Amino acid sequence: MLLERALSENSIDAYTRDIEKLCSYLSINKLELGPLEITDKHLAEFIIWLNTLGIGANSQARIKSGIKAFYKFLMLEDIIDRDPTELMESPRLTKKIPQVVSFEEMQEMLSVIDLSTDHGTRNRAMLETLYASGLRVSELINLKLTNIYPDIGFLKVVGKGNKERLVPIGGDALKHIDFYIDNIRRHLPKIAEADENILFLNRRGRRLSRVMVFMIVKEVAELAGIQKTVSPHTFRHSFATHLVEGGADLKAIQDMLGHESITTTEIYTHLDKAYLRDTILRFHPSNKVKKSL
């Protein structure tokens, strides 16, 4: 990819993460299979697994593209004689309003986390941070201790294209972060040298994977009885939507989310209109009369 296709380091990292997701699926399901042993059936079950994690169609399309590229390379190098991705279809990509949860549903998810356990304390701090600052999952798992500024209520985040931005964070999230650092992180028996400055760690002292965050969010949503597909990106969408509903300036939301173009941020104004229309249909007295008739 580097020499023949002249791809950037970020693109190569993205392709590598796609393969790592497949490796995570195999590991979680205790399937000790190498690339030559994986069949189209395994790949179909992998895609079903991605769906259960709440990974959207656009992300799935990119993951499939990465896996297809990997197997194309194996074919070109004569390492395999059959490509199991040949029948793999890409999901139909449509621009749609993203899934969000209400403020009440968000509070319910946060409240069901068991703070009597180490991982529960970490998870509460992590999800509070996701919702309070609208971070991408990659920004969350790479958030550094030295990039937290509690005295002014800001985080320094490294987003897409290694672009840095300052994002405000509320007092509740900072309180849970402090509690996690003081009572859990500080007492980990060993922290990997490469992750000494990373905020959120697993019990082995290493940064969390994207897949692990997806699974944590899915579990919390199920515990809270949320009848929607909830992923880490749902927290980001809900963060932005609740700001729009509260009357926040669209340019300010664009800066906080790290969007290159204001057009990307404008989807939340459409979401707000859909929310308002639904509210009118549900609560306007004339609509209630029609229903009773």
C-alpha atoms as a PDB file:
ATOM      1  CA  MET A   1       0.000   0.000   0.000  1.00  0.00           C
ATOM      2  CA  LEU A   2       2.840   2.365   0.816  1.00  0.00           C
ATOM      3  CA  LEU A   3       5.064   1.574  -2.189  1.00  0.00           C
ATOM      4  CA  GLU A   4       2.652   0.460  -4.898  1.00  0.00           C
ATOM      5  CA  ARG A   5      -0.408   2.596  -4.137  1.00  0.00           C
ATOM      6  CA  ALA A   6       1.365   5.521  -2.448  1.00  0.00           C
ATOM      7  CA  LEU A   7      -1.266   5.665   0.286  1.00  0.00           C
ATOM      8  CA  SER A   8      -0.819   7.924   3.299  1.00  0.00           C
ATOM      9  CA  GLU A   9       0.005   6.582   6.766  1.00  0.00           C
ATOM     10  CA  ASN A  10      -3.552   7.395   7.890  1.00  0.00           C
ATOM     11  CA  SER A  11      -5.048   5.360   5.019  1.00  0.00           C
ATOM     12  CA  ILE A  12      -2.748   2.427   5.800  1.00  0.00           C
ATOM     13  CA  ASP A  13      -3.728   2.642   9.486  1.00  0.00           C
ATOM     14  CA  ALA A  14      -7.418   2.565   8.463  1.00  0.00           C
ATOM     15  CA  TYR A  15      -6.894  -0.558   6.323  1.00  0.00           C
ATOM     16  CA  THR A  16      -4.977  -2.189   9.174  1.00  0.00           C
ATOM     17  CA  ARG A  17      -7.798  -1.453  11.634  1.00  0.00           C
ATOM     18  CA  ASP A  18     -10.244  -3.134   9.227  1.00  0.00           C
ATOM     19  CA  ILE A  19      -8.203  -6.349   9.379  1.00  0.00           C
ATOM     20  CA  GLU A  20      -7.851  -5.988  13.162  1.00  0.00           C
ATOM     21  CA  LYS A  21     -11.663  -5.955  13.479  1.00  0.00           C
ATOM     22  CA  LEU A  22     -11.800  -9.297  11.665  1.00  0.00           C
ATOM     23  CA  CYS A  23      -9.059 -10.615  13.989  1.00  0.00           C
ATOM     24  CA  SER A  24     -11.049  -9.389  17.017  1.00  0.00           C
ATOM     25  CA  TYR A  25     -14.147 -11.226  15.774  1.00  0.00           C
ATOM     26  CA  LEU A  26     -12.184 -14.462  15.352  1.00  0.00           C
ATOM     27  CA  SER A  27     -10.569 -14.106  18.785  1.00  0.00           C
ATOM     28  CA  ILE A  28     -13.833 -13.306  20.611  1.00  0.00           C
ATOM     29  CA  ASN A  29     -15.508 -16.320  19.000  1.00  0.00           C
ATOM     30  CA  LYS A  30     -12.462 -18.557  19.672  1.00  0.00           C
ATOM     31  CA  LEU A  31     -11.958 -19.291  15.961  1.00  0.00           C
ATOM     32  CA  GLU A  32      -8.285 -20.125  15.462  1.00  0.00           C
ATOM     33  CA  LEU A  33      -8.223 -19.471  11.721  1.00  0.00           C
ATOM     34  CA  GLY A  34      -5.569 -17.952   9.487  1.00  0.00           C
ATOM     35  CA  PRO A  35      -6.299 -15.952   6.297  1.00  0.00           C
ATOM     36  CA  LEU A  36      -6.134 -19.116   4.175  1.00  0.00           C
ATOM     37  CA  GLU A  37      -8.723 -20.905   6.324  1.00  0.00           C
ATOM     38  CA  ILE A  38     -11.345 -18.149   6.422  1.00  0.00           C
ATOM     39  CA  THR A  39     -14.331 -18.831   4.180  1.00  0.00           C
ATOM     40  CA  ASP A  40     -17.121 -16.691   2.767  1.00  0.00           C
ATOM     41  CA  LYS A  41     -19.346 -18.146   5.524  1.00  0.00           C
ATOM     42  CA  HIS A  42     -17.009 -16.784   8.226  1.00  0.00           C
ATOM     43  CA  LEU A  43     -17.008 -13.375   6.527  1.00  0.00           C
ATOM     44  CA  ALA A  44     -20.822 -13.330   6.314  1.00  0.00           C
ATOM     45  CA  GLU A  45     -21.022 -14.074  10.068  1.00  0.00           C
ATOM     46  CA  PHE A  46     -18.421 -11.337  10.679  1.00  0.00           C
ATOM     47  CA  ILE A  47     -20.668  -8.787   8.915  1.00  0.00           C
ATOM     48  CA  ILE A  48     -23.643  -9.901  11.030  1.00  0.00           C
ATOM     49  CA  TRP A  49     -21.436  -9.341  14.111  1.00  0.00           C
ATOM     50  CA  LEU A  50     -20.596  -5.815  12.931  1.00  0.00           C
ATOM     51  CA  ASN A  51     -24.323  -5.131  12.685  1.00  0.00           C
ATOM     52  CA  THR A  52     -24.900  -6.275  16.261  1.00  0.00           C
ATOM     53  CA  LEU A  53     -22.261  -3.769  17.406  1.00  0.00           C
ATOM     54  CA  GLY A  54     -24.221  -0.960  15.747  1.00  0.00           C
ATOM     55  CA  ILE A  55     -21.546  -0.187  13.135  1.00  0.00           C
ATOM     56  CA  GLY A  56     -23.234   1.825  10.370  1.00  0.00           C
ATOM     57  CA  ALA A  57     -23.421   1.118   6.642  1.00  0.00           C
ATOM     58  CA  ASN A  58     -20.696   3.617   5.724  1.00  0.00           C
ATOM     59  CA  SER A  59     -18.259   2.131   8.241  1.00  0.00           C
ATOM     60  CA  GLN A  60     -19.166  -1.399   7.152  1.00  0.00           C
ATOM     61  CA  ALA A  61     -18.494  -0.479   3.519  1.00  0.00           C
ATOM     62  CA  ARG A  62     -15.036   0.803   4.455  1.00  0.00           C
ATOM     63  CA  ILE A  63     -14.266  -2.315   6.537  1.00  0.00           C
ATOM     64  CA  LYS A  64     -15.327  -4.562   3.646  1.00  0.00           C
ATOM     65  CA  SER A  65     -13.147  -2.537   1.283  1.00  0.00           C
ATOM     66  CA  GLY A  66     -10.142  -3.069   3.583  1.00  0.00           C
ATOM     67  CA  ILE A  67     -10.715  -6.827   3.813  1.00  0.00           C
ATOM     68  CA  LYS A  68     -11.246  -7.096   0.033  1.00  0.00           C
ATOM     69  CA  ALA A  69      -7.969  -5.219  -0.550  1.00  0.00           C
ATOM     70  CA  PHE A  70      -6.158  -7.602   1.808  1.00  0.00           C
ATOM     71  CA  TYR A  71      -7.407 -10.704  -0.009  1.00  0.00           C
ATOM     72  CA  LYS A  72      -6.707  -9.130  -3.411  1.00  0.00           C
ATOM     73  CA  PHE A  73      -3.098  -8.727  -2.252  1.00  0.00           C
ATOM     74  CA  LEU A  74      -2.967 -12.390  -1.186  1.00  0.00           C
ATOM     75  CA  MET A  75      -4.266 -13.399  -4.632  1.00  0.00           C
ATOM     76  CA  LEU A  76      -1.732 -11.232  -6.470  1.00  0.00           C
ATOM     77  CA  GLU A  77       1.076 -12.711  -4.377  1.00  0.00           C
ATOM     78  CA  ASP A  78      -0.183 -16.268  -5.144  1.00  0.00           C
ATOM     79  CA  ILE A  79      -0.598 -16.941  -1.414  1.00  0.00           C
ATOM     80  CA  ILE A  80      -4.189 -18.083  -1.976  1.00  0.00           C
ATOM     81  CA  ASP A  81      -5.949 -19.432  -5.082  1.00  0.00           C
ATOM     82  CA  ARG A  82      -9.512 -18.473  -4.066  1.00  0.00           C
ATOM     83  CA  ASP A  83     -10.803 -15.136  -2.819  1.00  0.00           C
ATOM     84  CA  PRO A  84     -13.474 -15.591  -0.087  1.00  0.00           C
ATOM     85  CA  THR A  85     -14.535 -11.944  -0.481  1.00  0.00           C
ATOM     86  CA  GLU A  86     -15.745 -12.381  -4.088  1.00  0.00           C
ATOM     87  CA  LEU A  87     -19.389 -12.690  -3.043  1.00  0.00           C
ATOM     88  CA  MET A  88     -19.160 -10.040  -0.319  1.00  0.00           C
ATOM     89  CA  GLU A  89     -21.630  -7.261  -1.106  1.00  0.00           C
ATOM     90  CA  SER A  90     -21.231  -3.702   0.074  1.00  0.00           C
ATOM     91  CA  PRO A  91     -24.194  -2.229   1.968  1.00  0.00           C
ATOM     92  CA  ARG A  92     -26.377   0.245   0.102  1.00  0.00           C
ATOM     93  CA  LEU A  93     -25.147   3.680   1.122  1.00  0.00           C
ATOM     94  CA  THR A  94     -27.786   6.333   1.631  1.00  0.00           C
ATOM     95  CA  LYS A  95     -27.669   9.672   3.356  1.00  0.00           C
ATOM     96  CA  LYS A  96     -29.956   9.352   6.322  1.00  0.00           C
ATOM     97  CA  ILE A  97     -30.574  11.105   9.588  1.00  0.00           C
ATOM     98  CA  PRO A  98     -28.367   9.441  12.223  1.00  0.00           C
ATOM     99  CA  GLN A  99     -29.801   7.483  15.133  1.00  0.00           C
ATOM    100  CA  VAL A 100     -29.947   9.441  18.397  1.00  0.00           C
ATOM    101  CA  VAL A 101     -31.211   8.874  21.913  1.00  0.00           C
ATOM    102  CA  SER A 102     -33.139  11.359  24.027  1.00  0.00           C
ATOM    103  CA  PHE A 103     -31.583  13.081  27.025  1.00  0.00           C
ATOM    104  CA  GLU A 104     -33.682  10.845  29.301  1.00  0.00           C
ATOM    105  CA  GLU A 105     -32.464   7.695  27.508  1.00  0.00           C
ATOM    106  CA  MET A 106     -28.878   8.926  27.781  1.00  0.00           C
ATOM    107  CA  GLN A 107     -29.271   9.467  31.530  1.00  0.00           C
ATOM    108  CA  GLU A 108     -30.797   5.996  31.895  1.00  0.00           C
ATOM    109  CA  MET A 109     -27.812   4.396  30.143  1.00  0.00           C
ATOM    110  CA  LEU A 110     -25.327   6.227  32.337  1.00  0.00           C
ATOM    111  CA  SER A 111     -27.252   5.366  35.517  1.00  0.00           C
ATOM    112  CA  VAL A 112     -27.289   1.570  34.937  1.00  0.00           C
ATOM    113  CA  ILE A 113     -23.474   1.321  34.977  1.00  0.00           C
ATOM    114  CA  ASP A 114     -22.297  -0.437  38.151  1.00  0.00           C
ATOM    115  CA  LEU A 115     -19.873   1.948  39.880  1.00  0.00           C
ATOM    116  CA  SER A 116     -18.934  -0.688  42.482  1.00  0.00           C
ATOM    117  CA  THR A 117     -16.633  -2.371  39.936  1.00  0.00           C
ATOM    118  CA  ASP A 118     -13.362  -1.115  38.460  1.00  0.00           C
ATOM    119  CA  HIS A 119     -14.479  -1.483  34.857  1.00  0.00           C
ATOM    120  CA  GLY A 120     -17.852   0.091  35.699  1.00  0.00           C
ATOM    121  CA  THR A 121     -16.116   3.178  37.115  1.00  0.00           C
ATOM    122  CA  ARG A 122     -13.968   3.400  33.966  1.00  0.00           C
ATOM    123  CA  ASN A 123     -16.933   2.852  31.646  1.00  0.00           C
ATOM    124  CA  ARG A 124     -19.007   5.565  33.342  1.00  0.00           C
ATOM    125  CA  ALA A 125     -16.151   8.061  32.973  1.00  0.00           C
ATOM    126  CA  MET A 126     -15.664   6.985  29.359  1.00  0.00           C
ATOM    127  CA  LEU A 127     -19.317   7.302  28.309  1.00  0.00           C
ATOM    128  CA  GLU A 128     -19.723  10.566  30.223  1.00  0.00           C
ATOM    129  CA  THR A 129     -16.778  11.872  28.177  1.00  0.00           C
ATOM    130  CA  LEU A 130     -18.275  10.647  24.892  1.00  0.00           C
ATOM    131  CA  TYR A 131     -21.577  12.401  25.561  1.00  0.00           C
ATOM    132  CA  ALA A 132     -20.134  15.546  27.168  1.00  0.00           C
ATOM    133  CA  SER A 133     -17.708  16.284  24.322  1.00  0.00           C
ATOM    134  CA  GLY A 134     -19.031  14.481  21.234  1.00  0.00           C
ATOM    135  CA  LEU A 135     -15.772  12.626  20.600  1.00  0.00           C
ATOM    136  CA  ARG A 136     -15.231  10.036  17.885  1.00  0.00           C
ATOM    137  CA  VAL A 137     -14.394   6.590  19.285  1.00  0.00           C
ATOM    138  CA  SER A 138     -10.817   6.870  17.928  1.00  0.00           C
ATOM    139  CA  GLU A 139     -10.418  10.212  19.720  1.00  0.00           C
ATOM    140  CA  LEU A 140     -11.709   8.703  22.963  1.00  0.00           C
ATOM    141  CA  ILE A 141      -9.349   5.706  23.056  1.00  0.00           C
ATOM    142  CA  ASN A 142      -6.356   7.930  22.238  1.00  0.00           C
ATOM    143  CA  LEU A 143      -7.218  10.725  24.693  1.00  0.00           C
ATOM    144  CA  LYS A 144      -4.124  11.675  26.699  1.00  0.00           C
ATOM    145  CA  LEU A 145      -3.893  12.590  30.372  1.00  0.00           C
ATOM    146  CA  THR A 146      -1.803  15.627  29.473  1.00  0.00           C
ATOM    147  CA  ASN A 147      -4.545  16.851  27.110  1.00  0.00           C
ATOM    148  CA  ILE A 148      -7.128  17.239  29.878  1.00  0.00           C
ATOM    149  CA  TYR A 149      -7.404  20.790  31.250  1.00  0.00           C
ATOM    150  CA  PRO A 150      -9.888  20.597  34.166  1.00  0.00           C
ATOM    151  CA  ASP A 151      -9.145  24.143  35.352  1.00  0.00           C
ATOM    152  CA  ILE A 152     -10.632  25.613  32.163  1.00  0.00           C
ATOM    153  CA  GLY A 153     -12.965  22.692  31.315  1.00  0.00           C
ATOM    154  CA  PHE A 154     -11.418  21.686  27.976  1.00  0.00           C
ATOM    155  CA  LEU A 155      -9.885  18.650  26.249  1.00  0.00           C
ATOM    156  CA  LYS A 156      -7.297  18.818  23.485  1.00  0.00           C
ATOM    157  CA  VAL A 157      -8.352  16.226  20.918  1.00  0.00           C
ATOM    158  CA  VAL A 158      -6.422  14.822  17.966  1.00  0.00           C
ATOM    159  CA  GLY A 159      -8.982  14.182  15.225  1.00  0.00           C
ATOM    160  CA  LYS A 160      -8.952  13.125  11.590  1.00  0.00           C
ATOM    161  CA  GLY A 161      -5.798  14.037   9.684  1.00  0.00           C
ATOM    162  CA  ASN A 162      -3.994  14.559  13.022  1.00  0.00           C
ATOM    163  CA  LYS A 163      -5.781  17.903  13.393  1.00  0.00           C
ATOM    164  CA  GLU A 164      -5.951  19.185  16.953  1.00  0.00           C
ATOM    165  CA  ARG A 165      -8.933  20.990  18.422  1.00  0.00           C
ATOM    166  CA  LEU A 166     -10.070  22.144  21.846  1.00  0.00           C
ATOM    167  CA  VAL A 167     -13.387  20.703  23.024  1.00  0.00           C
ATOM    168  CA  PRO A 168     -15.278  21.810  26.150  1.00  0.00           C
ATOM    169  CA  ILE A 169     -16.158  19.170  28.732  1.00  0.00           C
ATOM    170  CA  GLY A 170     -18.667  19.521  31.572  1.00  0.00           C
ATOM    171  CA  GLY A 171     -18.133  19.215  35.299  1.00  0.00           C
ATOM    172  CA  ASP A 172     -19.966  15.878  35.655  1.00  0.00           C
ATOM    173  CA  ALA A 173     -17.692  14.171  33.115  1.00  0.00           C
ATOM    174  CA  LEU A 174     -14.587  15.669  34.729  1.00  0.00           C
ATOM    175  CA  LYS A 175     -15.775  14.446  38.140  1.00  0.00           C
ATOM    176  CA  HIS A 176     -16.069  10.868  36.842  1.00  0.00           C
ATOM    177  CA  ILE A 177     -12.691  11.115  35.092  1.00  0.00           C
ATOM    178  CA  ASP A 178     -11.026  12.279  38.316  1.00  0.00           C
ATOM    179  CA  PHE A 179     -12.664   9.479  40.296  1.00  0.00           C
ATOM    180  CA  TYR A 180     -11.507   6.888  37.726  1.00  0.00           C
ATOM    181  CA  ILE A 181      -7.924   8.224  37.717  1.00  0.00           C
ATOM    182  CA  ASP A 182      -7.640   8.422  41.519  1.00  0.00           C
ATOM    183  CA  ASN A 183      -9.332   5.128  42.395  1.00  0.00           C
ATOM    184  CA  ILE A 184      -8.726   2.818  39.425  1.00  0.00           C
ATOM    185  CA  ARG A 185      -6.129   3.920  36.918  1.00  0.00           C
ATOM    186  CA  ARG A 186      -3.560   4.954  39.519  1.00  0.00           C
ATOM    187  CA  HIS A 187      -3.719   1.473  41.088  1.00  0.00           C
ATOM    188  CA  LEU A 188      -3.268  -0.631  37.952  1.00  0.00           C
ATOM    189  CA  PRO A 189      -0.425  -3.110  38.634  1.00  0.00           C
ATOM    190  CA  LYS A 190       1.370  -2.358  35.371  1.00  0.00           C
ATOM    191  CA  ILE A 191       0.868   0.124  32.539  1.00  0.00           C
ATOM    192  CA  ALA A 192       2.372  -0.459  29.087  1.00  0.00           C
ATOM    193  CA  GLU A 193       5.144   2.028  28.364  1.00  0.00           C
ATOM    194  CA  ALA A 194       3.508   3.136  25.099  1.00  0.00           C
ATOM    195  CA  ASP A 195       0.220   3.859  26.916  1.00  0.00           C
ATOM    196  CA  GLU A 196       1.485   5.655  30.035  1.00  0.00           C
ATOM    197  CA  ASN A 197      -0.147   8.909  28.910  1.00  0.00           C
ATOM    198  CA  ILE A 198      -3.416   7.337  27.677  1.00  0.00           C
ATOM    199  CA  LEU A 199      -6.445   8.050  29.886  1.00  0.00           C
ATOM    200  CA  PHE A 200      -8.647   4.981  29.461  1.00  0.00           C
ATOM    201  CA  LEU A 201      -6.924   1.606  29.911  1.00  0.00           C
ATOM    202  CA  ASN A 202      -7.941  -2.025  30.234  1.00  0.00           C
ATOM    203  CA  ARG A 203      -7.031  -4.110  33.289  1.00  0.00           C
ATOM    204  CA  ARG A 204      -3.705  -5.045  31.616  1.00  0.00           C
ATOM    205  CA  GLY A 205      -2.698  -1.400  31.453  1.00  0.00           C
ATOM    206  CA  ARG A 206      -3.191  -0.984  27.714  1.00  0.00           C
ATOM    207  CA  ARG A 207      -5.408   1.369  25.744  1.00  0.00           C
ATOM    208  CA  LEU A 208      -8.829   0.045  24.750  1.00  0.00           C
ATOM    209  CA  SER A 209      -9.630  -1.085  21.222  1.00  0.00           C
ATOM    210  CA  ARG A 210     -12.433   0.471  19.166  1.00  0.00           C
ATOM    211  CA  VAL A 211     -14.251  -2.873  19.175  1.00  0.00           C
ATOM    212  CA  MET A 212     -14.152  -3.020  22.993  1.00  0.00           C
ATOM    213  CA  VAL A 213     -15.789   0.425  23.235  1.00  0.00           C
ATOM    214  CA  PHE A 214     -18.508  -0.673  20.783  1.00  0.00           C
ATOM    215  CA  MET A 215     -19.199  -3.751  22.938  1.00  0.00           C
ATOM    216  CA  ILE A 216     -19.318  -1.721  26.169  1.00  0.00           C
ATOM    217  CA  VAL A 217     -21.833   0.734  24.670  1.00  0.00           C
ATOM    218  CA  LYS A 218     -23.972  -2.105  23.302  1.00  0.00           C
ATOM    219  CA  GLU A 219     -24.051  -3.822  26.711  1.00  0.00           C
ATOM    220  CA  VAL A 220     -24.986  -0.606  28.548  1.00  0.00           C
ATOM    221  CA  ALA A 221     -27.802   0.143  26.076  1.00  0.00           C
ATOM    222  CA  GLU A 222     -29.216  -3.366  26.557  1.00  0.00           C
ATOM    223  CA  LEU A 223     -29.046  -3.033  30.360  1.00  0.00           C
ATOM    224  CA  ALA A 224     -30.949   0.258  30.119  1.00  0.00           C
ATOM    225  CA  GLY A 225     -33.610  -1.370  27.927  1.00  0.00           C
ATOM    226  CA  ILE A 226     -32.997   0.996  24.995  1.00  0.00           C
ATOM    227  CA  GLN A 227     -34.867  -0.368  21.969  1.00  0.00           C
ATOM    228  CA  LYS A 228     -32.502   1.219  19.440  1.00  0.00           C
ATOM    229  CA  THR A 229     -29.188   0.311  17.873  1.00  0.00           C
ATOM    230  CA  VAL A 230     -26.741   2.294  20.008  1.00  0.00           C
ATOM    231  CA  SER A 231     -23.045   2.707  19.187  1.00  0.00           C
ATOM    232  CA  PRO A 232     -20.309   5.135  20.334  1.00  0.00           C
ATOM    233  CA  HIS A 233     -21.246   7.334  17.360  1.00  0.00           C
ATOM    234  CA  THR A 234     -24.814   7.516  18.740  1.00  0.00           C
ATOM    235  CA  PHE A 235     -23.343   9.433  21.689  1.00  0.00           C
ATOM    236  CA  ARG A 236     -21.680  11.871  19.253  1.00  0.00           C
ATOM    237  CA  HIS A 237     -24.893  12.304  17.236  1.00  0.00           C
ATOM    238  CA  SER A 238     -26.919  12.800  20.419  1.00  0.00           C
ATOM    239  CA  PHE A 239     -24.406  15.361  21.741  1.00  0.00           C
ATOM    240  CA  ALA A 240     -24.795  17.437  18.558  1.00  0.00           C
ATOM    241  CA  THR A 241     -28.563  16.989  18.292  1.00  0.00           C
ATOM    242  CA  HIS A 242     -29.200  18.032  21.888  1.00  0.00           C
ATOM    243  CA  LEU A 243     -27.083  21.153  21.310  1.00  0.00           C
ATOM    244  CA  VAL A 244     -29.117  22.044  18.193  1.00  0.00           C
ATOM    245  CA  GLU A 245     -32.363  21.442  20.091  1.00  0.00           C
ATOM    246  CA  GLY A 246     -31.075  23.808  22.794  1.00  0.00           C
ATOM    247  CA  GLY A 247     -30.393  26.533  20.223  1.00  0.00           C
ATOM    248  CA  ALA A 248     -26.596  26.271  19.954  1.00  0.00           C
ATOM    249  CA  ASP A 249     -24.816  28.012  17.074  1.00  0.00           C
ATOM    250  CA  LEU A 250     -24.123  25.619  14.167  1.00  0.00           C
ATOM    251  CA  LYS A 251     -20.601  26.977  13.608  1.00  0.00           C
ATOM    252  CA  ALA A 252     -19.747  26.311  17.259  1.00  0.00           C
ATOM    253  CA  ILE A 253     -21.024  22.729  16.919  1.00  0.00           C
ATOM    254  CA  GLN A 254     -18.938  22.298  13.751  1.00  0.00           C
ATOM    255  CA  ASP A 255     -15.809  23.386  15.646  1.00  0.00           C
ATOM    256  CA  MET A 256     -16.556  21.083  18.583  1.00  0.00           C
ATOM    257  CA  LEU A 257     -17.152  18.062  16.323  1.00  0.00           C
ATOM    258  CA  GLY A 258     -14.108  18.805  14.165  1.00  0.00           C
ATOM    259  CA  HIS A 259     -16.078  18.783  10.909  1.00  0.00           C
ATOM    260  CA  GLU A 260     -14.144  20.037   7.875  1.00  0.00           C
ATOM    261  CA  SER A 261     -17.317  21.395   6.267  1.00  0.00           C
ATOM    262  CA  ILE A 262     -20.391  23.046   7.770  1.00  0.00           C
ATOM    263  CA  THR A 263     -22.458  20.896   5.364  1.00  0.00           C
ATOM    264  CA  THR A 264     -21.626  17.824   7.450  1.00  0.00           C
ATOM    265  CA  THR A 265     -22.869  19.569  10.584  1.00  0.00           C
ATOM    266  CA  GLU A 266     -26.093  20.717   8.901  1.00  0.00           C
ATOM    267  CA  ILE A 267     -27.517  17.179   9.079  1.00  0.00           C
ATOM    268  CA  TYR A 268     -28.288  17.914  12.737  1.00  0.00           C
ATOM    269  CA  THR A 269     -30.581  20.782  11.746  1.00  0.00           C
ATOM    270  CA  HIS A 270     -32.556  18.302   9.613  1.00  0.00           C
ATOM    271  CA  LEU A 271     -32.654  15.953  12.589  1.00  0.00           C
ATOM    272  CA  ASP A 272     -33.969  18.765  14.769  1.00  0.00           C
ATOM    273  CA  LYS A 273     -36.752  19.457  12.233  1.00  0.00           C
ATOM    274  CA  ALA A 274     -37.700  15.768  12.236  1.00  0.00           C
ATOM    275  CA  TYR A 275     -37.757  15.854  16.037  1.00  0.00           C
ATOM    276  CA  LEU A 276     -40.004  18.945  16.014  1.00  0.00           C
ATOM    277  CA  ARG A 277     -42.363  17.388  13.449  1.00  0.00           C
ATOM    278  CA  ASP A 278     -42.645  14.217  15.539  1.00  0.00           C
ATOM    279  CA  THR A 279     -43.360  16.319  18.632  1.00  0.00           C
ATOM    280  CA  ILE A 280     -46.167  18.190  16.829  1.00  0.00           C
ATOM    281  CA  LEU A 281     -47.732  14.961  15.540  1.00  0.00           C
ATOM    282  CA  ARG A 282     -47.644  13.421  19.009  1.00  0.00           C
ATOM    283  CA  PHE A 283     -48.737  16.340  21.176  1.00  0.00           C
ATOM    284  CA  HIS A 284     -50.687  18.922  19.113  1.00  0.00           C
ATOM    285  CA  PRO A 285     -54.364  18.824  20.205  1.00  0.00           C
ATOM    286  CA  SER A 286     -55.703  18.706  16.643  1.00  0.00           C
ATOM    287  CA  ASN A 287     -53.729  15.526  15.963  1.00  0.00           C
ATOM    288  CA  LYS A 288     -55.054  13.969  19.190  1.00  0.00           C
ATOM    289  CA  VAL A 289     -58.604  14.705  18.044  1.00  0.00           C
ATOM    290  CA  LYS A 290     -57.963  13.026  14.675  1.00  0.00           C
ATOM    291  CA  LYS A 291     -56.622   9.928  16.422  1.00  0.00           C
ATOM    292  CA  SER A 292     -59.677   9.675  18.662  1.00  0.00           C
ATOM    293  CA  LEU A 293     -61.971   9.946  15.615  1.00  0.00           C
END
